[in-house]
Each structure stands twice: as C-alpha cells, then as structure tokens.
Amino acid sequence: MPKIKKIFTEYGLDFDNNKYGFGRSTECEYTDGTEMRTHEPVKFKKVHARYFRIWIGKIVFIIDSDRPHFCVRKKTRWNFKIVYGKSGQ
C-alpha cells in the first residue's frame, strides 16, 4: 500500500461529500496519486496549513495560511461549498 502524502479535513457546508450538507469529511492523498475520502476523524502528525474555501459554481475562492494566501481557481465541475479546512501529514 502506498504511503500517505497529504491529509485534508474539511468542516462546513458541502453537499458533494455530506448527505445533509453540514459535516466533516477527510481526504487522504497517496504517493501514487490515488485518493480516499472518509468521514472518520484523522489525527495529524503536523498541520501544514489552514484554509477557508468558498466554491460557487465552477469558481473557488481560497484564503489559505500557506502561500498564496488568497487565490481564485476555476474547476471543471459545478459545486457549492463553504468549508474551513486543514491540511497536513
């Protein structure tokens, strides 16, 4: 099994990953490029960044404690989410 490269935990309004909208979701990225999503809590060895993300349609606004501190990204799929998250190992 490949090693975990990064872990992302998000809390908030996310209809894509939470049945009733509000909740927590955790995504693990592995060194081979695969990903796994769960709703179970995961402990971080070290938190690298905290972020606030607003995704409206295909546009995502991100405020991040890591660089760049503010960015706007375009995605290929449509979604709506307002989440606070943290990433780490």
PDB file of N, CA and C in Angstrom:
ATOM      1  N   MET A   1       0.845  -1.185   0.000  1.00  0.00           N
ATOM      2  CA  MET A   1       0.000   0.000   0.000  1.00  0.00           C
ATOM      3  C   MET A   1       0.890   1.248   0.000  1.00  0.00           C
ATOM      4  N   PRO A   2       0.554   2.249  -0.840  1.00  0.00           N
ATOM      5  CA  PRO A   2       1.383   3.463  -0.907  1.00  0.00           C
ATOM      6  C   PRO A   2       1.274   4.288   0.375  1.00  0.00           C
ATOM      7  N   LYS A   3       2.277   5.143   0.594  1.00  0.00           N
ATOM      8  CA  LYS A   3       2.304   5.996   1.773  1.00  0.00           C
ATOM      9  C   LYS A   3       1.384   7.201   1.575  1.00  0.00           C
ATOM     10  N   ILE A   4       0.877   7.728   2.695  1.00  0.00           N
ATOM     11  CA  ILE A   4       0.045   8.929   2.643  1.00  0.00           C
ATOM     12  C   ILE A   4       0.937  10.137   2.413  1.00  0.00           C
ATOM     13  N   LYS A   5       0.577  10.930   1.399  1.00  0.00           N
ATOM     14  CA  LYS A   5       1.323  12.133   1.068  1.00  0.00           C
ATOM     15  C   LYS A   5       0.763  13.328   1.835  1.00  0.00           C
ATOM     16  N   LYS A   6      -0.567  13.504   1.803  1.00  0.00           N
ATOM     17  CA  LYS A   6      -1.220  14.632   2.459  1.00  0.00           C
ATOM     18  C   LYS A   6      -2.615  14.248   2.912  1.00  0.00           C
ATOM     19  N   ILE A   7      -3.073  14.891   3.983  1.00  0.00           N
ATOM     20  CA  ILE A   7      -4.415  14.676   4.502  1.00  0.00           C
ATOM     21  C   ILE A   7      -5.125  16.022   4.559  1.00  0.00           C
ATOM     22  N   PHE A   8      -6.387  16.045   4.116  1.00  0.00           N
ATOM     23  CA  PHE A   8      -7.209  17.250   4.172  1.00  0.00           C
ATOM     24  C   PHE A   8      -8.464  16.922   4.974  1.00  0.00           C
ATOM     25  N   THR A   9      -8.777  17.743   5.976  1.00  0.00           N
ATOM     26  CA  THR A   9     -10.014  17.600   6.731  1.00  0.00           C
ATOM     27  C   THR A   9     -10.794  18.892   6.589  1.00  0.00           C
ATOM     28  N   GLU A  10     -12.060  18.792   6.167  1.00  0.00           N
ATOM     29  CA  GLU A  10     -12.906  19.970   5.947  1.00  0.00           C
ATOM     30  C   GLU A  10     -14.167  19.885   6.795  1.00  0.00           C
ATOM     31  N   TYR A  11     -14.567  21.037   7.338  1.00  0.00           N
ATOM     32  CA  TYR A  11     -15.776  21.166   8.146  1.00  0.00           C
ATOM     33  C   TYR A  11     -16.638  22.246   7.517  1.00  0.00           C
ATOM     34  N   GLY A  12     -17.932  22.002   7.369  1.00  0.00           N
ATOM     35  CA  GLY A  12     -18.810  23.052   6.875  1.00  0.00           C
ATOM     36  C   GLY A  12     -19.889  22.535   5.956  1.00  0.00           C
ATOM     37  N   LEU A  13     -20.360  23.441   5.105  1.00  0.00           N
ATOM     38  CA  LEU A  13     -21.439  23.165   4.174  1.00  0.00           C
ATOM     39  C   LEU A  13     -20.855  22.599   2.887  1.00  0.00           C
ATOM     40  N   ASP A  14     -21.160  21.340   2.616  1.00  0.00           N
ATOM     41  CA  ASP A  14     -20.591  20.653   1.454  1.00  0.00           C
ATOM     42  C   ASP A  14     -21.563  19.558   1.017  1.00  0.00           C
ATOM     43  N   PHE A  15     -22.396  19.852   0.038  1.00  0.00           N
ATOM     44  CA  PHE A  15     -23.390  18.872  -0.430  1.00  0.00           C
ATOM     45  C   PHE A  15     -22.754  17.764  -1.259  1.00  0.00           C
ATOM     46  N   ASP A  16     -21.541  17.976  -1.715  1.00  0.00           N
ATOM     47  CA  ASP A  16     -20.844  16.977  -2.509  1.00  0.00           C
ATOM     48  C   ASP A  16     -20.409  15.787  -1.648  1.00  0.00           C
ATOM     49  N   ASN A  17     -19.997  16.049  -0.410  1.00  0.00           N
ATOM     50  CA  ASN A  17     -19.436  14.994   0.433  1.00  0.00           C
ATOM     51  C   ASN A  17     -20.221  14.705   1.710  1.00  0.00           C
ATOM     52  N   ASN A  18     -21.247  15.501   2.023  1.00  0.00           N
ATOM     53  CA  ASN A  18     -22.050  15.284   3.218  1.00  0.00           C
ATOM     54  C   ASN A  18     -23.515  15.167   2.827  1.00  0.00           C
ATOM     55  N   LYS A  19     -24.153  14.089   3.232  1.00  0.00           N
ATOM     56  CA  LYS A  19     -25.526  13.784   2.819  1.00  0.00           C
ATOM     57  C   LYS A  19     -26.503  14.919   3.118  1.00  0.00           C
ATOM     58  N   TYR A  20     -26.390  15.526   4.294  1.00  0.00           N
ATOM     59  CA  TYR A  20     -27.322  16.581   4.689  1.00  0.00           C
ATOM     60  C   TYR A  20     -26.713  17.980   4.584  1.00  0.00           C
ATOM     61  N   GLY A  21     -25.559  18.100   3.955  1.00  0.00           N
ATOM     62  CA  GLY A  21     -24.942  19.400   3.745  1.00  0.00           C
ATOM     63  C   GLY A  21     -23.842  19.720   4.735  1.00  0.00           C
ATOM     64  N   PHE A  22     -24.172  19.774   6.037  1.00  0.00           N
ATOM     65  CA  PHE A  22     -23.175  20.122   7.042  1.00  0.00           C
ATOM     66  C   PHE A  22     -22.470  18.874   7.549  1.00  0.00           C
ATOM     67  N   GLY A  23     -21.175  19.033   7.821  1.00  0.00           N
ATOM     68  CA  GLY A  23     -20.456  17.900   8.379  1.00  0.00           C
ATOM     69  C   GLY A  23     -18.968  18.020   8.209  1.00  0.00           C
ATOM     70  N   ARG A  24     -18.299  16.880   8.382  1.00  0.00           N
ATOM     71  CA  ARG A  24     -16.846  16.809   8.261  1.00  0.00           C
ATOM     72  C   ARG A  24     -16.509  15.729   7.235  1.00  0.00           C
ATOM     73  N   SER A  25     -15.502  15.990   6.437  1.00  0.00           N
ATOM     74  CA  SER A  25     -15.004  14.956   5.537  1.00  0.00           C
ATOM     75  C   SER A  25     -13.481  15.002   5.537  1.00  0.00           C
ATOM     76  N   THR A  26     -12.868  13.859   5.330  1.00  0.00           N
ATOM     77  CA  THR A  26     -11.418  13.737   5.329  1.00  0.00           C
ATOM     78  C   THR A  26     -10.997  13.055   4.031  1.00  0.00           C
ATOM     79  N   GLU A  27      -9.978  13.622   3.397  1.00  0.00           N
ATOM     80  CA  GLU A  27      -9.451  13.047   2.164  1.00  0.00           C
ATOM     81  C   GLU A  27      -7.968  12.794   2.332  1.00  0.00           C
ATOM     82  N   CYS A  28      -7.518  11.601   1.981  1.00  0.00           N
ATOM     83  CA  CYS A  28      -6.103  11.232   2.028  1.00  0.00           C
ATOM     84  C   CYS A  28      -5.581  11.117   0.603  1.00  0.00           C
ATOM     85  N   GLU A  29      -4.487  11.815   0.323  1.00  0.00           N
ATOM     86  CA  GLU A  29      -3.797  11.682  -0.966  1.00  0.00           C
ATOM     87  C   GLU A  29      -2.588  10.786  -0.746  1.00  0.00           C
ATOM     88  N   TYR A  30      -2.404   9.817  -1.642  1.00  0.00           N
ATOM     89  CA  TYR A  30      -1.297   8.879  -1.526  1.00  0.00           C
ATOM     90  C   TYR A  30      -0.201   9.221  -2.534  1.00  0.00           C
ATOM     91  N   THR A  31       0.998   8.703  -2.290  1.00  0.00           N
ATOM     92  CA  THR A  31       2.151   8.999  -3.135  1.00  0.00           C
ATOM     93  C   THR A  31       1.974   8.517  -4.574  1.00  0.00           C
ATOM     94  N   ASP A  32       1.109   7.528  -4.803  1.00  0.00           N
ATOM     95  CA  ASP A  32       0.887   7.035  -6.168  1.00  0.00           C
ATOM     96  C   ASP A  32      -0.188   7.829  -6.922  1.00  0.00           C
ATOM     97  N   GLY A  33      -0.737   8.890  -6.281  1.00  0.00           N
ATOM     98  CA  GLY A  33      -1.729   9.737  -6.943  1.00  0.00           C
ATOM     99  C   GLY A  33      -3.171   9.382  -6.641  1.00  0.00           C
ATOM    100  N   THR A  34      -3.418   8.274  -5.956  1.00  0.00           N
ATOM    101  CA  THR A  34      -4.786   7.898  -5.619  1.00  0.00           C
ATOM    102  C   THR A  34      -5.273   8.687  -4.401  1.00  0.00           C
ATOM    103  N   GLU A  35      -6.578   8.730  -4.231  1.00  0.00           N
ATOM    104  CA  GLU A  35      -7.195   9.448  -3.116  1.00  0.00           C
ATOM    105  C   GLU A  35      -8.247   8.569  -2.461  1.00  0.00           C
ATOM    106  N   MET A  36      -8.491   8.813  -1.172  1.00  0.00           N
ATOM    107  CA  MET A  36      -9.537   8.110  -0.443  1.00  0.00           C
ATOM    108  C   MET A  36     -10.257   9.131   0.429  1.00  0.00           C
ATOM    109  N   ARG A  37     -11.588   9.108   0.402  1.00  0.00           N
ATOM    110  CA  ARG A  37     -12.388  10.031   1.208  1.00  0.00           C
ATOM    111  C   ARG A  37     -13.160   9.251   2.253  1.00  0.00           C
ATOM    112  N   THR A  38     -13.206   9.816   3.473  1.00  0.00           N
ATOM    113  CA  THR A  38     -13.914   9.183   4.575  1.00  0.00           C
ATOM    114  C   THR A  38     -14.528  10.269   5.462  1.00  0.00           C
ATOM    115  N   HIS A  39     -15.395   9.872   6.350  1.00  0.00           N
ATOM    116  CA  HIS A  39     -15.971  10.801   7.320  1.00  0.00           C
ATOM    117  C   HIS A  39     -15.417  10.543   8.713  1.00  0.00           C
ATOM    118  N   GLU A  40     -14.439   9.659   8.810  1.00  0.00           N
ATOM    119  CA  GLU A  40     -13.808   9.346  10.087  1.00  0.00           C
ATOM    120  C   GLU A  40     -12.760  10.405  10.424  1.00  0.00           C
ATOM    121  N   PRO A  41     -12.607  10.725  11.719  1.00  0.00           N
ATOM    122  CA  PRO A  41     -11.567  11.690  12.106  1.00  0.00           C
ATOM    123  C   PRO A  41     -10.180  11.094  11.914  1.00  0.00           C
ATOM    124  N   VAL A  42      -9.233  11.928  11.516  1.00  0.00           N
ATOM    125  CA  VAL A  42      -7.850  11.506  11.311  1.00  0.00           C
ATOM    126  C   VAL A  42      -6.956  12.438  12.113  1.00  0.00           C
ATOM    127  N   LYS A  43      -5.996  11.877  12.832  1.00  0.00           N
ATOM    128  CA  LYS A  43      -5.067  12.706  13.594  1.00  0.00           C
ATOM    129  C   LYS A  43      -3.900  13.098  12.700  1.00  0.00           C
ATOM    130  N   PHE A  44      -3.513  14.372  12.791  1.00  0.00           N
ATOM    131  CA  PHE A  44      -2.388  14.888  12.023  1.00  0.00           C
ATOM    132  C   PHE A  44      -1.114  14.784  12.854  1.00  0.00           C
ATOM    133  N   LYS A  45      -0.014  14.384  12.210  1.00  0.00           N
ATOM    134  CA  LYS A  45       1.287  14.486  12.862  1.00  0.00           C
ATOM    135  C   LYS A  45       1.697  15.952  12.910  1.00  0.00           C
ATOM    136  N   LYS A  46       1.426  16.649  11.798  1.00  0.00           N
ATOM    137  CA  LYS A  46       1.780  18.064  11.697  1.00  0.00           C
ATOM    138  C   LYS A  46       0.791  18.742  10.759  1.00  0.00           C
ATOM    139  N   VAL A  47       0.185  19.863  11.205  1.00  0.00           N
ATOM    140  CA  VAL A  47      -0.720  20.638  10.350  1.00  0.00           C
ATOM    141  C   VAL A  47       0.124  21.621   9.554  1.00  0.00           C
ATOM    142  N   HIS A  48       0.014  21.570   8.225  1.00  0.00           N
ATOM    143  CA  HIS A  48       0.794  22.449   7.359  1.00  0.00           C
ATOM    144  C   HIS A  48       0.070  23.750   7.062  1.00  0.00           C
ATOM    145  N   ALA A  49      -1.246  23.694   6.908  1.00  0.00           N
ATOM    146  CA  ALA A  49      -1.985  24.896   6.528  1.00  0.00           C
ATOM    147  C   ALA A  49      -3.434  24.795   6.977  1.00  0.00           C
ATOM    148  N   ARG A  50      -4.032  25.951   7.166  1.00  0.00           N
ATOM    149  CA  ARG A  50      -5.462  26.071   7.426  1.00  0.00           C
ATOM    150  C   ARG A  50      -6.030  26.928   6.311  1.00  0.00           C
ATOM    151  N   TYR A  51      -7.263  26.633   5.893  1.00  0.00           N
ATOM    152  CA  TYR A  51      -7.818  27.381   4.775  1.00  0.00           C
ATOM    153  C   TYR A  51      -9.321  27.528   4.911  1.00  0.00           C
ATOM    154  N   PHE A  52      -9.835  28.516   4.211  1.00  0.00           N
ATOM    155  CA  PHE A  52     -11.269  28.769   4.114  1.00  0.00           C
ATOM    156  C   PHE A  52     -11.579  28.787   2.625  1.00  0.00           C
ATOM    157  N   ARG A  53     -12.540  27.972   2.205  1.00  0.00           N
ATOM    158  CA  ARG A  53     -12.824  27.813   0.780  1.00  0.00           C
ATOM    159  C   ARG A  53     -14.305  28.048   0.510  1.00  0.00           C
ATOM    160  N   ILE A  54     -14.581  28.884  -0.488  1.00  0.00           N
ATOM    161  CA  ILE A  54     -15.953  29.111  -0.955  1.00  0.00           C
ATOM    162  C   ILE A  54     -15.981  28.701  -2.415  1.00  0.00           C
ATOM    163  N   TRP A  55     -16.793  27.707  -2.726  1.00  0.00           N
ATOM    164  CA  TRP A  55     -16.898  27.174  -4.079  1.00  0.00           C
ATOM    165  C   TRP A  55     -18.312  27.466  -4.560  1.00  0.00           C
ATOM    166  N   ILE A  56     -18.425  28.311  -5.572  1.00  0.00           N
ATOM    167  CA  ILE A  56     -19.724  28.676  -6.158  1.00  0.00           C
ATOM    168  C   ILE A  56     -19.661  28.374  -7.649  1.00  0.00           C
ATOM    169  N   GLY A  57     -20.460  27.410  -8.087  1.00  0.00           N
ATOM    170  CA  GLY A  57     -20.427  27.021  -9.496  1.00  0.00           C
ATOM    171  C   GLY A  57     -19.099  26.363  -9.826  1.00  0.00           C
ATOM    172  N   LYS A  58     -18.360  26.969 -10.767  1.00  0.00           N
ATOM    173  CA  LYS A  58     -17.052  26.437 -11.152  1.00  0.00           C
ATOM    174  C   LYS A  58     -15.906  27.318 -10.667  1.00  0.00           C
ATOM    175  N   ILE A  59     -16.204  28.299  -9.815  1.00  0.00           N
ATOM    176  CA  ILE A  59     -15.197  29.216  -9.281  1.00  0.00           C
ATOM    177  C   ILE A  59     -14.979  28.921  -7.796  1.00  0.00           C
ATOM    178  N   VAL A  60     -13.711  28.843  -7.371  1.00  0.00           N
ATOM    179  CA  VAL A  60     -13.368  28.586  -5.973  1.00  0.00           C
ATOM    180  C   VAL A  60     -12.509  29.734  -5.457  1.00  0.00           C
ATOM    181  N   PHE A  61     -12.949  30.350  -4.353  1.00  0.00           N
ATOM    182  CA  PHE A  61     -12.194  31.400  -3.672  1.00  0.00           C
ATOM    183  C   PHE A  61     -11.530  30.750  -2.460  1.00  0.00           C
ATOM    184  N   ILE A  62     -10.207  30.924  -2.328  1.00  0.00           N
ATOM    185  CA  ILE A  62      -9.467  30.256  -1.262  1.00  0.00           C
ATOM    186  C   ILE A  62      -8.640  31.284  -0.483  1.00  0.00           C
ATOM    187  N   ILE A  63      -8.825  31.278   0.834  1.00  0.00           N
ATOM    188  CA  ILE A  63      -7.967  32.039   1.733  1.00  0.00           C
ATOM    189  C   ILE A  63      -7.186  30.993   2.510  1.00  0.00           C
ATOM    190  N   ASP A  64      -5.851  31.058   2.433  1.00  0.00           N
ATOM    191  CA  ASP A  64      -5.002  29.984   2.933  1.00  0.00           C
ATOM    192  C   ASP A  64      -3.894  30.551   3.823  1.00  0.00           C
ATOM    193  N   SER A  65      -3.520  29.823   4.885  1.00  0.00           N
ATOM    194  CA  SER A  65      -2.412  30.255   5.728  1.00  0.00           C
ATOM    195  C   SER A  65      -1.070  29.973   5.066  1.00  0.00           C
ATOM    196  N   ASP A  66      -1.070  29.122   4.044  1.00  0.00           N
ATOM    197  CA  ASP A  66       0.128  28.824   3.263  1.00  0.00           C
ATOM    198  C   ASP A  66       0.130  29.734   2.039  1.00  0.00           C
ATOM    199  N   ARG A  67       1.140  29.686   1.225  1.00  0.00           N
ATOM    200  CA  ARG A  67       1.206  30.554   0.042  1.00  0.00           C
ATOM    201  C   ARG A  67       0.537  29.900  -1.145  1.00  0.00           C
ATOM    202  N   PRO A  68      -0.157  30.605  -2.030  1.00  0.00           N
ATOM    203  CA  PRO A  68      -0.544  32.010  -1.902  1.00  0.00           C
ATOM    204  C   PRO A  68      -1.656  32.156  -0.869  1.00  0.00           C
ATOM    205  N   HIS A  69      -1.689  33.293  -0.197  1.00  0.00           N
ATOM    206  CA  HIS A  69      -2.655  33.490   0.884  1.00  0.00           C
ATOM    207  C   HIS A  69      -4.078  33.669   0.371  1.00  0.00           C
ATOM    208  N   PHE A  70      -4.243  34.188  -0.843  1.00  0.00           N
ATOM    209  CA  PHE A  70      -5.566  34.311  -1.454  1.00  0.00           C
ATOM    210  C   PHE A  70      -5.446  33.946  -2.922  1.00  0.00           C
ATOM    211  N   CYS A  71      -6.347  33.112  -3.397  1.00  0.00           N
ATOM    212  CA  CYS A  71      -6.350  32.791  -4.824  1.00  0.00           C
ATOM    213  C   CYS A  71      -7.763  32.430  -5.269  1.00  0.00           C
ATOM    214  N   VAL A  72      -7.967  32.525  -6.559  1.00  0.00           N
ATOM    215  CA  VAL A  72      -9.225  32.144  -7.190  1.00  0.00           C
ATOM    216  C   VAL A  72      -8.882  31.085  -8.222  1.00  0.00           C
ATOM    217  N   ARG A  73      -9.594  29.964  -8.181  1.00  0.00           N
ATOM    218  CA  ARG A  73      -9.336  28.877  -9.125  1.00  0.00           C
ATOM    219  C   ARG A  73     -10.605  28.521  -9.869  1.00  0.00           C
ATOM    220  N   LYS A  74     -10.445  28.055 -11.089  1.00  0.00           N
ATOM    221  CA  LYS A  74     -11.567  27.562 -11.891  1.00  0.00           C
ATOM    222  C   LYS A  74     -11.509  26.046 -11.899  1.00  0.00           C
ATOM    223  N   LYS A  75     -12.669  25.427 -11.729  1.00  0.00           N
ATOM    224  CA  LYS A  75     -12.778  23.972 -11.734  1.00  0.00           C
ATOM    225  C   LYS A  75     -13.595  23.532 -12.944  1.00  0.00           C
ATOM    226  N   THR A  76     -13.524  22.254 -13.284  1.00  0.00           N
ATOM    227  CA  THR A  76     -14.270  21.740 -14.438  1.00  0.00           C
ATOM    228  C   THR A  76     -15.680  21.312 -14.075  1.00  0.00           C
ATOM    229  N   ARG A  77     -15.924  21.024 -12.799  1.00  0.00           N
ATOM    230  CA  ARG A  77     -17.260  20.594 -12.395  1.00  0.00           C
ATOM    231  C   ARG A  77     -17.936  21.639 -11.530  1.00  0.00           C
ATOM    232  N   TRP A  78     -19.255  21.580 -11.449  1.00  0.00           N
ATOM    233  CA  TRP A  78     -20.055  22.534 -10.688  1.00  0.00           C
ATOM    234  C   TRP A  78     -20.245  22.005  -9.273  1.00  0.00           C
ATOM    235  N   ASN A  79     -20.148  22.912  -8.272  1.00  0.00           N
ATOM    236  CA  ASN A  79     -20.360  22.525  -6.885  1.00  0.00           C
ATOM    237  C   ASN A  79     -20.692  23.773  -6.073  1.00  0.00           C
ATOM    238  N   PHE A  80     -21.197  23.574  -4.866  1.00  0.00           N
ATOM    239  CA  PHE A  80     -21.399  24.665  -3.918  1.00  0.00           C
ATOM    240  C   PHE A  80     -20.946  24.176  -2.560  1.00  0.00           C
ATOM    241  N   LYS A  81     -19.946  24.861  -1.991  1.00  0.00           N
ATOM    242  CA  LYS A  81     -19.496  24.501  -0.653  1.00  0.00           C
ATOM    243  C   LYS A  81     -18.854  25.700   0.020  1.00  0.00           C
ATOM    244  N   ILE A  82     -19.023  25.756   1.328  1.00  0.00           N
ATOM    245  CA  ILE A  82     -18.376  26.762   2.172  1.00  0.00           C
ATOM    246  C   ILE A  82     -17.766  25.971   3.318  1.00  0.00           C
ATOM    247  N   VAL A  83     -16.425  25.861   3.338  1.00  0.00           N
ATOM    248  CA  VAL A  83     -15.779  24.998   4.310  1.00  0.00           C
ATOM    249  C   VAL A  83     -14.539  25.647   4.919  1.00  0.00           C
ATOM    250  N   TYR A  84     -14.260  25.225   6.132  1.00  0.00           N
ATOM    251  CA  TYR A  84     -12.986  25.512   6.798  1.00  0.00           C
ATOM    252  C   TYR A  84     -12.227  24.199   6.780  1.00  0.00           C
ATOM    253  N   GLY A  85     -10.944  24.250   6.471  1.00  0.00           N
ATOM    254  CA  GLY A  85     -10.191  23.009   6.416  1.00  0.00           C
ATOM    255  C   GLY A  85      -8.781  23.160   6.910  1.00  0.00           C
ATOM    256  N   LYS A  86      -8.141  22.017   7.092  1.00  0.00           N
ATOM    257  CA  LYS A  86      -6.735  21.991   7.440  1.00  0.00           C
ATOM    258  C   LYS A  86      -6.072  20.858   6.682  1.00  0.00           C
ATOM    259  N   SER A  87      -4.795  21.059   6.367  1.00  0.00           N
ATOM    260  CA  SER A  87      -4.064  20.024   5.650  1.00  0.00           C
ATOM    261  C   SER A  87      -2.782  19.712   6.409  1.00  0.00           C
ATOM    262  N   GLY A  88      -2.333  18.497   6.276  1.00  0.00           N
ATOM    263  CA  GLY A  88      -1.134  18.090   6.972  1.00  0.00           C
ATOM    264  C   GLY A  88      -0.741  16.676   6.624  1.00  0.00           C
ATOM    265  N   GLN A  89       0.096  16.103   7.484  1.00  0.00           N
ATOM    266  CA  GLN A  89       0.562  14.731   7.295  1.00  0.00           C
ATOM    267  C   GLN A  89       0.209  13.901   8.490  1.00  0.00           C
TER     268      GLN A  89
END
